[in-house]
Amino acid sequence: MRICIHKATKHILEMQSAATAGTLIQNAINGGYAEADVEEREVDDAGYAAAKAKDPAWIAEQQAIADKKAAQAAKAQAFLDNLPSWALVDQAVTNISDLPSAKAFIRKLARVVYWDIRDKAD
């Protein structure tokens, strides 16, 4: 496979598995890069992985993925940490004896669902 890299930033501009020499350079020139600013090389899978590890855009993308997974895990853990036992929920429902109590319970339930969908508390 061949890759084309912007020399100054190490950003991978393009990768093709069956390109001929010079194709990626020409594509970069057509895209507005100066020929002196780009480098085309033939790499194997390990070379491609090494080039991606130096690409700031790829690094940022991987960090964003990791941050999102961490945030989702933290949200799930916070949810579990604050979840009352079923006995408490069952008792609260059982204790509803009038319209104001029912409204209060439904408001709490609606708030939990809203916050879960919104992904934040208001």
PDB file of N, CA and C in Angstrom:
ATOM      1  N   MET A   1       0.850  -1.166   0.000  1.00  0.00           N
ATOM      2  CA  MET A   1       0.000   0.000   0.000  1.00  0.00           C
ATOM      3  C   MET A   1       0.894   1.226   0.000  1.00  0.00           C
ATOM      4  N   ARG A   2       0.322   2.329  -0.452  1.00  0.00           N
ATOM      5  CA  ARG A   2       1.069   3.582  -0.496  1.00  0.00           C
ATOM      6  C   ARG A   2       0.331   4.617   0.340  1.00  0.00           C
ATOM      7  N   ILE A   3       1.112   5.479   1.007  1.00  0.00           N
ATOM      8  CA  ILE A   3       0.536   6.565   1.773  1.00  0.00           C
ATOM      9  C   ILE A   3       1.183   7.874   1.350  1.00  0.00           C
ATOM     10  N   CYS A   4       0.430   8.941   1.519  1.00  0.00           N
ATOM     11  CA  CYS A   4       0.937  10.279   1.235  1.00  0.00           C
ATOM     12  C   CYS A   4       0.808  11.076   2.530  1.00  0.00           C
ATOM     13  N   ILE A   5       1.925  11.655   2.971  1.00  0.00           N
ATOM     14  CA  ILE A   5       1.994  12.356   4.247  1.00  0.00           C
ATOM     15  C   ILE A   5       2.383  13.805   4.026  1.00  0.00           C
ATOM     16  N   HIS A   6       1.727  14.702   4.763  1.00  0.00           N
ATOM     17  CA  HIS A   6       2.142  16.105   4.784  1.00  0.00           C
ATOM     18  C   HIS A   6       3.360  16.170   5.697  1.00  0.00           C
ATOM     19  N   LYS A   7       4.507  16.561   5.162  1.00  0.00           N
ATOM     20  CA  LYS A   7       5.767  16.484   5.893  1.00  0.00           C
ATOM     21  C   LYS A   7       5.762  17.285   7.193  1.00  0.00           C
ATOM     22  N   ALA A   8       5.241  18.485   7.171  1.00  0.00           N
ATOM     23  CA  ALA A   8       5.318  19.365   8.339  1.00  0.00           C
ATOM     24  C   ALA A   8       4.465  18.869   9.509  1.00  0.00           C
ATOM     25  N   THR A   9       3.308  18.307   9.214  1.00  0.00           N
ATOM     26  CA  THR A   9       2.381  17.917  10.284  1.00  0.00           C
ATOM     27  C   THR A   9       2.332  16.418  10.539  1.00  0.00           C
ATOM     28  N   LYS A  10       2.915  15.623   9.649  1.00  0.00           N
ATOM     29  CA  LYS A  10       2.855  14.149   9.708  1.00  0.00           C
ATOM     30  C   LYS A  10       1.450  13.611   9.484  1.00  0.00           C
ATOM     31  N   HIS A  11       0.542  14.479   8.993  1.00  0.00           N
ATOM     32  CA  HIS A  11      -0.833  14.078   8.723  1.00  0.00           C
ATOM     33  C   HIS A  11      -0.882  13.210   7.469  1.00  0.00           C
ATOM     34  N   ILE A  12      -1.547  12.069   7.570  1.00  0.00           N
ATOM     35  CA  ILE A  12      -1.717  11.196   6.413  1.00  0.00           C
ATOM     36  C   ILE A  12      -2.821  11.782   5.551  1.00  0.00           C
ATOM     37  N   LEU A  13      -2.456  12.184   4.351  1.00  0.00           N
ATOM     38  CA  LEU A  13      -3.423  12.789   3.438  1.00  0.00           C
ATOM     39  C   LEU A  13      -4.242  11.730   2.715  1.00  0.00           C
ATOM     40  N   GLU A  14      -3.572  10.605   2.417  1.00  0.00           N
ATOM     41  CA  GLU A  14      -4.262   9.576   1.627  1.00  0.00           C
ATOM     42  C   GLU A  14      -3.543   8.251   1.782  1.00  0.00           C
ATOM     43  N   MET A  15      -4.319   7.169   1.654  1.00  0.00           N
ATOM     44  CA  MET A  15      -3.767   5.817   1.603  1.00  0.00           C
ATOM     45  C   MET A  15      -4.504   5.068   0.511  1.00  0.00           C
ATOM     46  N   GLN A  16      -3.746   4.358  -0.306  1.00  0.00           N
ATOM     47  CA  GLN A  16      -4.353   3.502  -1.332  1.00  0.00           C
ATOM     48  C   GLN A  16      -3.647   2.164  -1.293  1.00  0.00           C
ATOM     49  N   SER A  17      -4.424   1.116  -1.425  1.00  0.00           N
ATOM     50  CA  SER A  17      -3.833  -0.218  -1.342  1.00  0.00           C
ATOM     51  C   SER A  17      -3.169  -0.653  -2.647  1.00  0.00           C
ATOM     52  N   ALA A  18      -3.555  -0.080  -3.773  1.00  0.00           N
ATOM     53  CA  ALA A  18      -3.000  -0.533  -5.048  1.00  0.00           C
ATOM     54  C   ALA A  18      -2.588   0.637  -5.941  1.00  0.00           C
ATOM     55  N   ALA A  19      -2.072   1.698  -5.344  1.00  0.00           N
ATOM     56  CA  ALA A  19      -1.690   2.874  -6.137  1.00  0.00           C
ATOM     57  C   ALA A  19      -0.322   2.661  -6.787  1.00  0.00           C
ATOM     58  N   THR A  20      -0.124   3.315  -7.909  1.00  0.00           N
ATOM     59  CA  THR A  20       1.193   3.305  -8.534  1.00  0.00           C
ATOM     60  C   THR A  20       1.975   4.508  -8.023  1.00  0.00           C
ATOM     61  N   ALA A  21       3.284   4.410  -8.085  1.00  0.00           N
ATOM     62  CA  ALA A  21       4.146   5.483  -7.574  1.00  0.00           C
ATOM     63  C   ALA A  21       3.784   6.810  -8.247  1.00  0.00           C
ATOM     64  N   GLY A  22       3.663   7.840  -7.454  1.00  0.00           N
ATOM     65  CA  GLY A  22       3.372   9.167  -7.962  1.00  0.00           C
ATOM     66  C   GLY A  22       1.908   9.547  -7.952  1.00  0.00           C
ATOM     67  N   THR A  23       1.037   8.563  -7.859  1.00  0.00           N
ATOM     68  CA  THR A  23      -0.402   8.840  -7.884  1.00  0.00           C
ATOM     69  C   THR A  23      -0.829   9.695  -6.693  1.00  0.00           C
ATOM     70  N   LEU A  24      -0.372   9.339  -5.512  1.00  0.00           N
ATOM     71  CA  LEU A  24      -0.789  10.055  -4.315  1.00  0.00           C
ATOM     72  C   LEU A  24      -0.188  11.454  -4.260  1.00  0.00           C
ATOM     73  N   ILE A  25       1.031  11.602  -4.773  1.00  0.00           N
ATOM     74  CA  ILE A  25       1.645  12.935  -4.849  1.00  0.00           C
ATOM     75  C   ILE A  25       0.800  13.819  -5.767  1.00  0.00           C
ATOM     76  N   GLN A  26       0.416  13.279  -6.910  1.00  0.00           N
ATOM     77  CA  GLN A  26      -0.394  14.054  -7.856  1.00  0.00           C
ATOM     78  C   GLN A  26      -1.746  14.415  -7.247  1.00  0.00           C
ATOM     79  N   ASN A  27      -2.333  13.491  -6.508  1.00  0.00           N
ATOM     80  CA  ASN A  27      -3.601  13.782  -5.842  1.00  0.00           C
ATOM     81  C   ASN A  27      -3.441  14.909  -4.817  1.00  0.00           C
ATOM     82  N   ALA A  28      -2.331  14.900  -4.084  1.00  0.00           N
ATOM     83  CA  ALA A  28      -2.072  15.952  -3.104  1.00  0.00           C
ATOM     84  C   ALA A  28      -1.879  17.301  -3.799  1.00  0.00           C
ATOM     85  N   ILE A  29      -1.149  17.307  -4.908  1.00  0.00           N
ATOM     86  CA  ILE A  29      -0.951  18.544  -5.673  1.00  0.00           C
ATOM     87  C   ILE A  29      -2.295  19.051  -6.181  1.00  0.00           C
ATOM     88  N   ASN A  30      -3.110  18.141  -6.709  1.00  0.00           N
ATOM     89  CA  ASN A  30      -4.452  18.522  -7.178  1.00  0.00           C
ATOM     90  C   ASN A  30      -5.308  19.064  -6.030  1.00  0.00           C
ATOM     91  N   GLY A  31      -5.014  18.617  -4.803  1.00  0.00           N
ATOM     92  CA  GLY A  31      -5.748  19.075  -3.636  1.00  0.00           C
ATOM     93  C   GLY A  31      -5.215  20.375  -3.049  1.00  0.00           C
ATOM     94  N   GLY A  32      -4.168  20.935  -3.659  1.00  0.00           N
ATOM     95  CA  GLY A  32      -3.673  22.231  -3.217  1.00  0.00           C
ATOM     96  C   GLY A  32      -2.366  22.208  -2.448  1.00  0.00           C
ATOM     97  N   TYR A  33      -1.753  21.064  -2.291  1.00  0.00           N
ATOM     98  CA  TYR A  33      -0.477  20.981  -1.592  1.00  0.00           C
ATOM     99  C   TYR A  33       0.674  21.189  -2.574  1.00  0.00           C
ATOM    100  N   ALA A  34       1.764  21.740  -2.064  1.00  0.00           N
ATOM    101  CA  ALA A  34       2.971  21.869  -2.886  1.00  0.00           C
ATOM    102  C   ALA A  34       3.691  20.525  -2.884  1.00  0.00           C
ATOM    103  N   GLU A  35       4.289  20.177  -3.997  1.00  0.00           N
ATOM    104  CA  GLU A  35       4.969  18.887  -4.111  1.00  0.00           C
ATOM    105  C   GLU A  35       6.056  18.742  -3.049  1.00  0.00           C
ATOM    106  N   ALA A  36       6.732  19.831  -2.716  1.00  0.00           N
ATOM    107  CA  ALA A  36       7.805  19.782  -1.727  1.00  0.00           C
ATOM    108  C   ALA A  36       7.288  19.536  -0.310  1.00  0.00           C
ATOM    109  N   ASP A  37       5.982  19.746  -0.093  1.00  0.00           N
ATOM    110  CA  ASP A  37       5.415  19.609   1.249  1.00  0.00           C
ATOM    111  C   ASP A  37       4.862  18.223   1.551  1.00  0.00           C
ATOM    112  N   VAL A  38       4.841  17.351   0.554  1.00  0.00           N
ATOM    113  CA  VAL A  38       4.255  16.026   0.757  1.00  0.00           C
ATOM    114  C   VAL A  38       5.258  14.934   0.424  1.00  0.00           C
ATOM    115  N   GLU A  39       5.017  13.783   1.006  1.00  0.00           N
ATOM    116  CA  GLU A  39       5.887  12.627   0.784  1.00  0.00           C
ATOM    117  C   GLU A  39       5.006  11.410   0.537  1.00  0.00           C
ATOM    118  N   GLU A  40       5.368  10.644  -0.464  1.00  0.00           N
ATOM    119  CA  GLU A  40       4.654   9.394  -0.760  1.00  0.00           C
ATOM    120  C   GLU A  40       5.592   8.247  -0.458  1.00  0.00           C
ATOM    121  N   ARG A  41       5.077   7.239   0.211  1.00  0.00           N
ATOM    122  CA  ARG A  41       5.904   6.063   0.467  1.00  0.00           C
ATOM    123  C   ARG A  41       5.088   4.783   0.422  1.00  0.00           C
ATOM    124  N   GLU A  42       5.785   3.720   0.131  1.00  0.00           N
ATOM    125  CA  GLU A  42       5.160   2.404   0.141  1.00  0.00           C
ATOM    126  C   GLU A  42       5.387   1.810   1.524  1.00  0.00           C
ATOM    127  N   VAL A  43       4.308   1.301   2.138  1.00  0.00           N
ATOM    128  CA  VAL A  43       4.403   0.756   3.485  1.00  0.00           C
ATOM    129  C   VAL A  43       3.628  -0.557   3.578  1.00  0.00           C
ATOM    130  N   ASP A  44       3.983  -1.342   4.575  1.00  0.00           N
ATOM    131  CA  ASP A  44       3.181  -2.526   4.899  1.00  0.00           C
ATOM    132  C   ASP A  44       2.223  -2.140   6.026  1.00  0.00           C
ATOM    133  N   ASP A  45       1.508  -3.091   6.569  1.00  0.00           N
ATOM    134  CA  ASP A  45       0.547  -2.794   7.627  1.00  0.00           C
ATOM    135  C   ASP A  45       1.221  -2.161   8.845  1.00  0.00           C
ATOM    136  N   ALA A  46       2.394  -2.670   9.198  1.00  0.00           N
ATOM    137  CA  ALA A  46       3.113  -2.122  10.359  1.00  0.00           C
ATOM    138  C   ALA A  46       3.562  -0.692  10.085  1.00  0.00           C
ATOM    139  N   GLY A  47       4.012  -0.421   8.865  1.00  0.00           N
ATOM    140  CA  GLY A  47       4.424   0.932   8.507  1.00  0.00           C
ATOM    141  C   GLY A  47       3.258   1.903   8.504  1.00  0.00           C
ATOM    142  N   TYR A  48       2.112   1.429   8.066  1.00  0.00           N
ATOM    143  CA  TYR A  48       0.915   2.264   8.079  1.00  0.00           C
ATOM    144  C   TYR A  48       0.499   2.574   9.514  1.00  0.00           C
ATOM    145  N   ALA A  49       0.535   1.553  10.366  1.00  0.00           N
ATOM    146  CA  ALA A  49       0.194   1.752  11.778  1.00  0.00           C
ATOM    147  C   ALA A  49       1.164   2.741  12.429  1.00  0.00           C
ATOM    148  N   ALA A  50       2.443   2.644  12.097  1.00  0.00           N
ATOM    149  CA  ALA A  50       3.445   3.564  12.649  1.00  0.00           C
ATOM    150  C   ALA A  50       3.191   4.993  12.170  1.00  0.00           C
ATOM    151  N   ALA A  51       2.816   5.147  10.909  1.00  0.00           N
ATOM    152  CA  ALA A  51       2.530   6.483  10.375  1.00  0.00           C
ATOM    153  C   ALA A  51       1.284   7.073  11.042  1.00  0.00           C
ATOM    154  N   LYS A  52       0.255   6.249  11.257  1.00  0.00           N
ATOM    155  CA  LYS A  52      -0.953   6.731  11.922  1.00  0.00           C
ATOM    156  C   LYS A  52      -0.636   7.177  13.349  1.00  0.00           C
ATOM    157  N   ALA A  53       0.268   6.472  14.008  1.00  0.00           N
ATOM    158  CA  ALA A  53       0.621   6.810  15.387  1.00  0.00           C
ATOM    159  C   ALA A  53       1.304   8.169  15.487  1.00  0.00           C
ATOM    160  N   LYS A  54       1.806   8.693  14.370  1.00  0.00           N
ATOM    161  CA  LYS A  54       2.433  10.016  14.351  1.00  0.00           C
ATOM    162  C   LYS A  54       1.499  11.098  13.816  1.00  0.00           C
ATOM    163  N   ASP A  55       0.359  10.686  13.283  1.00  0.00           N
ATOM    164  CA  ASP A  55      -0.591  11.625  12.658  1.00  0.00           C
ATOM    165  C   ASP A  55      -1.427  12.305  13.738  1.00  0.00           C
ATOM    166  N   PRO A  56      -1.303  13.635  13.900  1.00  0.00           N
ATOM    167  CA  PRO A  56      -2.057  14.318  14.956  1.00  0.00           C
ATOM    168  C   PRO A  56      -3.571  14.175  14.814  1.00  0.00           C
ATOM    169  N   ALA A  57      -4.066  14.109  13.602  1.00  0.00           N
ATOM    170  CA  ALA A  57      -5.516  13.953  13.408  1.00  0.00           C
ATOM    171  C   ALA A  57      -5.967  12.578  13.899  1.00  0.00           C
ATOM    172  N   TRP A  58      -5.184  11.540  13.606  1.00  0.00           N
ATOM    173  CA  TRP A  58      -5.519  10.192  14.048  1.00  0.00           C
ATOM    174  C   TRP A  58      -5.421  10.105  15.573  1.00  0.00           C
ATOM    175  N   ILE A  59      -4.382  10.716  16.137  1.00  0.00           N
ATOM    176  CA  ILE A  59      -4.201  10.716  17.589  1.00  0.00           C
ATOM    177  C   ILE A  59      -5.392  11.410  18.255  1.00  0.00           C
ATOM    178  N   ALA A  60      -5.796  12.558  17.722  1.00  0.00           N
ATOM    179  CA  ALA A  60      -6.940  13.290  18.285  1.00  0.00           C
ATOM    180  C   ALA A  60      -8.220  12.473  18.163  1.00  0.00           C
ATOM    181  N   GLU A  61      -8.391  11.797  17.044  1.00  0.00           N
ATOM    182  CA  GLU A  61      -9.584  10.966  16.839  1.00  0.00           C
ATOM    183  C   GLU A  61      -9.620   9.831  17.862  1.00  0.00           C
ATOM    184  N   GLN A  62      -8.483   9.188  18.076  1.00  0.00           N
ATOM    185  CA  GLN A  62      -8.423   8.097  19.040  1.00  0.00           C
ATOM    186  C   GLN A  62      -8.680   8.602  20.457  1.00  0.00           C
ATOM    187  N   GLN A  63      -8.149   9.799  20.773  1.00  0.00           N
ATOM    188  CA  GLN A  63      -8.375  10.385  22.094  1.00  0.00           C
ATOM    189  C   GLN A  63      -9.849  10.728  22.287  1.00  0.00           C
ATOM    190  N   ALA A  64     -10.486  11.243  21.243  1.00  0.00           N
ATOM    191  CA  ALA A  64     -11.912  11.567  21.325  1.00  0.00           C
ATOM    192  C   ALA A  64     -12.743  10.303  21.564  1.00  0.00           C
ATOM    193  N   ILE A  65     -12.379   9.221  20.900  1.00  0.00           N
ATOM    194  CA  ILE A  65     -13.076   7.947  21.089  1.00  0.00           C
ATOM    195  C   ILE A  65     -12.901   7.470  22.528  1.00  0.00           C
ATOM    196  N   ALA A  66     -11.670   7.548  23.030  1.00  0.00           N
ATOM    197  CA  ALA A  66     -11.399   7.122  24.405  1.00  0.00           C
ATOM    198  C   ALA A  66     -12.138   8.001  25.410  1.00  0.00           C
ATOM    199  N   ASP A  67     -12.164   9.317  25.165  1.00  0.00           N
ATOM    200  CA  ASP A  67     -12.870  10.239  26.064  1.00  0.00           C
ATOM    201  C   ASP A  67     -14.364   9.945  26.093  1.00  0.00           C
ATOM    202  N   LYS A  68     -14.929   9.663  24.919  1.00  0.00           N
ATOM    203  CA  LYS A  68     -16.360   9.362  24.852  1.00  0.00           C
ATOM    204  C   LYS A  68     -16.683   8.067  25.596  1.00  0.00           C
ATOM    205  N   LYS A  69     -15.840   7.049  25.428  1.00  0.00           N
ATOM    206  CA  LYS A  69     -16.054   5.786  26.139  1.00  0.00           C
ATOM    207  C   LYS A  69     -15.945   5.992  27.643  1.00  0.00           C
ATOM    208  N   ALA A  70     -14.976   6.797  28.071  1.00  0.00           N
ATOM    209  CA  ALA A  70     -14.806   7.063  29.504  1.00  0.00           C
ATOM    210  C   ALA A  70     -16.011   7.813  30.064  1.00  0.00           C
ATOM    211  N   ALA A  71     -16.516   8.784  29.311  1.00  0.00           N
ATOM    212  CA  ALA A  71     -17.683   9.540  29.759  1.00  0.00           C
ATOM    213  C   ALA A  71     -18.911   8.630  29.860  1.00  0.00           C
ATOM    214  N   GLN A  72     -19.079   7.751  28.882  1.00  0.00           N
ATOM    215  CA  GLN A  72     -20.208   6.824  28.919  1.00  0.00           C
ATOM    216  C   GLN A  72     -20.093   5.867  30.100  1.00  0.00           C
ATOM    217  N   ALA A  73     -18.872   5.398  30.364  1.00  0.00           N
ATOM    218  CA  ALA A  73     -18.670   4.494  31.493  1.00  0.00           C
ATOM    219  C   ALA A  73     -18.932   5.212  32.814  1.00  0.00           C
ATOM    220  N   ALA A  74     -18.481   6.464  32.920  1.00  0.00           N
ATOM    221  CA  ALA A  74     -18.714   7.242  34.139  1.00  0.00           C
ATOM    222  C   ALA A  74     -20.209   7.489  34.343  1.00  0.00           C
ATOM    223  N   LYS A  75     -20.917   7.790  33.257  1.00  0.00           N
ATOM    224  CA  LYS A  75     -22.359   8.017  33.359  1.00  0.00           C
ATOM    225  C   LYS A  75     -23.069   6.744  33.817  1.00  0.00           C
ATOM    226  N   ALA A  76     -22.685   5.621  33.240  1.00  0.00           N
ATOM    227  CA  ALA A  76     -23.306   4.354  33.616  1.00  0.00           C
ATOM    228  C   ALA A  76     -23.023   4.031  35.077  1.00  0.00           C
ATOM    229  N   GLN A  77     -21.787   4.291  35.516  1.00  0.00           N
ATOM    230  CA  GLN A  77     -21.448   4.015  36.908  1.00  0.00           C
ATOM    231  C   GLN A  77     -22.198   4.948  37.850  1.00  0.00           C
ATOM    232  N   ALA A  78     -22.305   6.230  37.497  1.00  0.00           N
ATOM    233  CA  ALA A  78     -23.047   7.184  38.325  1.00  0.00           C
ATOM    234  C   ALA A  78     -24.513   6.775  38.428  1.00  0.00           C
ATOM    235  N   PHE A  79     -25.061   6.305  37.319  1.00  0.00           N
ATOM    236  CA  PHE A  79     -26.444   5.835  37.316  1.00  0.00           C
ATOM    237  C   PHE A  79     -26.604   4.667  38.288  1.00  0.00           C
ATOM    238  N   LEU A  80     -25.684   3.705  38.198  1.00  0.00           N
ATOM    239  CA  LEU A  80     -25.760   2.538  39.080  1.00  0.00           C
ATOM    240  C   LEU A  80     -25.543   2.915  40.541  1.00  0.00           C
ATOM    241  N   ASP A  81     -24.619   3.852  40.774  1.00  0.00           N
ATOM    242  CA  ASP A  81     -24.337   4.278  42.146  1.00  0.00           C
ATOM    243  C   ASP A  81     -25.533   4.966  42.794  1.00  0.00           C
ATOM    244  N   ASN A  82     -26.351   5.654  41.996  1.00  0.00           N
ATOM    245  CA  ASN A  82     -27.472   6.421  42.524  1.00  0.00           C
ATOM    246  C   ASN A  82     -28.824   5.718  42.384  1.00  0.00           C
ATOM    247  N   LEU A  83     -28.817   4.541  41.842  1.00  0.00           N
ATOM    248  CA  LEU A  83     -30.065   3.807  41.632  1.00  0.00           C
ATOM    249  C   LEU A  83     -30.552   3.230  42.962  1.00  0.00           C
ATOM    250  N   PRO A  84     -31.758   3.584  43.367  1.00  0.00           N
ATOM    251  CA  PRO A  84     -32.265   3.012  44.626  1.00  0.00           C
ATOM    252  C   PRO A  84     -32.606   1.536  44.430  1.00  0.00           C
ATOM    253  N   SER A  85     -32.700   0.850  45.521  1.00  0.00           N
ATOM    254  CA  SER A  85     -33.058  -0.572  45.436  1.00  0.00           C
ATOM    255  C   SER A  85     -34.495  -0.694  44.938  1.00  0.00           C
ATOM    256  N   TRP A  86     -34.812  -1.867  44.395  1.00  0.00           N
ATOM    257  CA  TRP A  86     -36.178  -2.079  43.921  1.00  0.00           C
ATOM    258  C   TRP A  86     -37.153  -1.992  45.086  1.00  0.00           C
ATOM    259  N   ALA A  87     -36.734  -2.393  46.274  1.00  0.00           N
ATOM    260  CA  ALA A  87     -37.615  -2.337  47.439  1.00  0.00           C
ATOM    261  C   ALA A  87     -38.052  -0.900  47.720  1.00  0.00           C
ATOM    262  N   LEU A  88     -37.112   0.058  47.600  1.00  0.00           N
ATOM    263  CA  LEU A  88     -37.462   1.466  47.813  1.00  0.00           C
ATOM    264  C   LEU A  88     -38.417   1.975  46.732  1.00  0.00           C
ATOM    265  N   VAL A  89     -38.162   1.601  45.491  1.00  0.00           N
ATOM    266  CA  VAL A  89     -39.037   2.028  44.392  1.00  0.00           C
ATOM    267  C   VAL A  89     -40.427   1.421  44.578  1.00  0.00           C
ATOM    268  N   ASP A  90     -40.453   0.147  44.875  1.00  0.00           N
ATOM    269  CA  ASP A  90     -41.734  -0.540  45.073  1.00  0.00           C
ATOM    270  C   ASP A  90     -42.520   0.088  46.229  1.00  0.00           C
ATOM    271  N   GLN A  91     -41.822   0.421  47.303  1.00  0.00           N
ATOM    272  CA  GLN A  91     -42.489   1.041  48.453  1.00  0.00           C
ATOM    273  C   GLN A  91     -43.040   2.417  48.087  1.00  0.00           C
ATOM    274  N   ALA A  92     -42.278   3.204  47.301  1.00  0.00           N
ATOM    275  CA  ALA A  92     -42.741   4.532  46.887  1.00  0.00           C
ATOM    276  C   ALA A  92     -44.007   4.419  46.042  1.00  0.00           C
ATOM    277  N   VAL A  93     -44.039   3.452  45.143  1.00  0.00           N
ATOM    278  CA  VAL A  93     -45.236   3.259  44.312  1.00  0.00           C
ATOM    279  C   VAL A  93     -46.405   2.781  45.170  1.00  0.00           C
ATOM    280  N   THR A  94     -46.120   1.864  46.067  1.00  0.00           N
ATOM    281  CA  THR A  94     -47.170   1.336  46.944  1.00  0.00           C
ATOM    282  C   THR A  94     -47.753   2.434  47.834  1.00  0.00           C
ATOM    283  N   ASN A  95     -46.929   3.388  48.244  1.00  0.00           N
ATOM    284  CA  ASN A  95     -47.380   4.454  49.142  1.00  0.00           C
ATOM    285  C   ASN A  95     -48.208   5.528  48.447  1.00  0.00           C
ATOM    286  N   ILE A  96     -48.328   5.488  47.130  1.00  0.00           N
ATOM    287  CA  ILE A  96     -49.152   6.481  46.430  1.00  0.00           C
ATOM    288  C   ILE A  96     -50.605   6.235  46.798  1.00  0.00           C
ATOM    289  N   SER A  97     -51.190   7.267  47.423  1.00  0.00           N
ATOM    290  CA  SER A  97     -52.570   7.097  47.878  1.00  0.00           C
ATOM    291  C   SER A  97     -53.499   8.201  47.393  1.00  0.00           C
ATOM    292  N   ASP A  98     -52.914   9.235  46.797  1.00  0.00           N
ATOM    293  CA  ASP A  98     -53.748  10.332  46.324  1.00  0.00           C
ATOM    294  C   ASP A  98     -53.100  10.964  45.085  1.00  0.00           C
ATOM    295  N   LEU A  99     -53.822  11.844  44.460  1.00  0.00           N
ATOM    296  CA  LEU A  99     -53.340  12.473  43.225  1.00  0.00           C
ATOM    297  C   LEU A  99     -52.044  13.267  43.421  1.00  0.00           C
ATOM    298  N   PRO A 100     -51.882  14.074  44.453  1.00  0.00           N
ATOM    299  CA  PRO A 100     -50.615  14.801  44.624  1.00  0.00           C
ATOM    300  C   PRO A 100     -49.407  13.866  44.770  1.00  0.00           C
ATOM    301  N   SER A 101     -49.577  12.757  45.477  1.00  0.00           N
ATOM    302  CA  SER A 101     -48.479  11.786  45.620  1.00  0.00           C
ATOM    303  C   SER A 101     -48.142  11.150  44.268  1.00  0.00           C
ATOM    304  N   ALA A 102     -49.178  10.837  43.496  1.00  0.00           N
ATOM    305  CA  ALA A 102     -48.966  10.246  42.170  1.00  0.00           C
ATOM    306  C   ALA A 102     -48.241  11.230  41.261  1.00  0.00           C
ATOM    307  N   LYS A 103     -48.650  12.510  41.300  1.00  0.00           N
ATOM    308  CA  LYS A 103     -47.991  13.528  40.481  1.00  0.00           C
ATOM    309  C   LYS A 103     -46.528  13.681  40.876  1.00  0.00           C
ATOM    310  N   ALA A 104     -46.243  13.676  42.175  1.00  0.00           N
ATOM    311  CA  ALA A 104     -44.863  13.822  42.641  1.00  0.00           C
ATOM    312  C   ALA A 104     -43.997  12.663  42.141  1.00  0.00           C
ATOM    313  N   PHE A 105     -44.541  11.458  42.229  1.00  0.00           N
ATOM    314  CA  PHE A 105     -43.792  10.291  41.769  1.00  0.00           C
ATOM    315  C   PHE A 105     -43.561  10.350  40.259  1.00  0.00           C
ATOM    316  N   ILE A 106     -44.595  10.699  39.522  1.00  0.00           N
ATOM    317  CA  ILE A 106     -44.472  10.772  38.056  1.00  0.00           C
ATOM    318  C   ILE A 106     -43.479  11.856  37.651  1.00  0.00           C
ATOM    319  N   ARG A 107     -43.446  12.979  38.360  1.00  0.00           N
ATOM    320  CA  ARG A 107     -42.471  14.043  38.060  1.00  0.00           C
ATOM    321  C   ARG A 107     -41.049  13.545  38.269  1.00  0.00           C
ATOM    322  N   LYS A 108     -40.814  12.812  39.378  1.00  0.00           N
ATOM    323  CA  LYS A 108     -39.471  12.257  39.628  1.00  0.00           C
ATOM    324  C   LYS A 108     -39.096  11.288  38.515  1.00  0.00           C
ATOM    325  N   LEU A 109     -40.003  10.443  38.140  1.00  0.00           N
ATOM    326  CA  LEU A 109     -39.752   9.470  37.081  1.00  0.00           C
ATOM    327  C   LEU A 109     -39.478  10.174  35.755  1.00  0.00           C
ATOM    328  N   ALA A 110     -40.278  11.180  35.442  1.00  0.00           N
ATOM    329  CA  ALA A 110     -40.095  11.932  34.195  1.00  0.00           C
ATOM    330  C   ALA A 110     -38.737  12.633  34.186  1.00  0.00           C
ATOM    331  N   ARG A 111     -38.316  13.185  35.334  1.00  0.00           N
ATOM    332  CA  ARG A 111     -37.025  13.864  35.427  1.00  0.00           C
ATOM    333  C   ARG A 111     -35.880  12.891  35.141  1.00  0.00           C
ATOM    334  N   VAL A 112     -35.950  11.700  35.688  1.00  0.00           N
ATOM    335  CA  VAL A 112     -34.905  10.692  35.458  1.00  0.00           C
ATOM    336  C   VAL A 112     -34.829  10.334  33.975  1.00  0.00           C
ATOM    337  N   VAL A 113     -35.965  10.089  33.365  1.00  0.00           N
ATOM    338  CA  VAL A 113     -35.993   9.740  31.939  1.00  0.00           C
ATOM    339  C   VAL A 113     -35.468  10.902  31.099  1.00  0.00           C
ATOM    340  N   TYR A 114     -35.911  12.124  31.402  1.00  0.00           N
ATOM    341  CA  TYR A 114     -35.474  13.304  30.661  1.00  0.00           C
ATOM    342  C   TYR A 114     -33.962  13.480  30.756  1.00  0.00           C
ATOM    343  N   TRP A 115     -33.434  13.389  31.971  1.00  0.00           N
ATOM    344  CA  TRP A 115     -31.982  13.557  32.156  1.00  0.00           C
ATOM    345  C   TRP A 115     -31.202  12.465  31.440  1.00  0.00           C
ATOM    346  N   ASP A 116     -31.737  11.251  31.465  1.00  0.00           N
ATOM    347  CA  ASP A 116     -31.049  10.151  30.795  1.00  0.00           C
ATOM    348  C   ASP A 116     -30.993  10.396  29.288  1.00  0.00           C
ATOM    349  N   ILE A 117     -32.100  10.824  28.710  1.00  0.00           N
ATOM    350  CA  ILE A 117     -32.152  11.079  27.276  1.00  0.00           C
ATOM    351  C   ILE A 117     -31.317  12.307  26.914  1.00  0.00           C
ATOM    352  N   ARG A 118     -31.405  13.345  27.703  1.00  0.00           N
ATOM    353  CA  ARG A 118     -30.676  14.596  27.461  1.00  0.00           C
ATOM    354  C   ARG A 118     -29.183  14.449  27.703  1.00  0.00           C
ATOM    355  N   ASP A 119     -28.823  13.435  28.492  1.00  0.00           N
ATOM    356  CA  ASP A 119     -27.434  13.154  28.844  1.00  0.00           C
ATOM    357  C   ASP A 119     -26.857  14.177  29.810  1.00  0.00           C
ATOM    358  N   LYS A 120     -27.739  14.926  30.505  1.00  0.00           N
ATOM    359  CA  LYS A 120     -27.299  15.863  31.540  1.00  0.00           C
ATOM    360  C   LYS A 120     -28.490  16.307  32.365  1.00  0.00           C
ATOM    361  N   ALA A 121     -28.196  16.740  33.573  1.00  0.00           N
ATOM    362  CA  ALA A 121     -29.250  17.269  34.437  1.00  0.00           C
ATOM    363  C   ALA A 121     -29.404  18.755  34.194  1.00  0.00           C
ATOM    364  N   ASP A 122     -30.625  19.240  34.286  1.00  0.00           N
ATOM    365  CA  ASP A 122     -30.875  20.691  34.161  1.00  0.00           C
ATOM    366  C   ASP A 122     -30.866  21.333  35.534  1.00  0.00           C
TER     367      ASP A 122
END
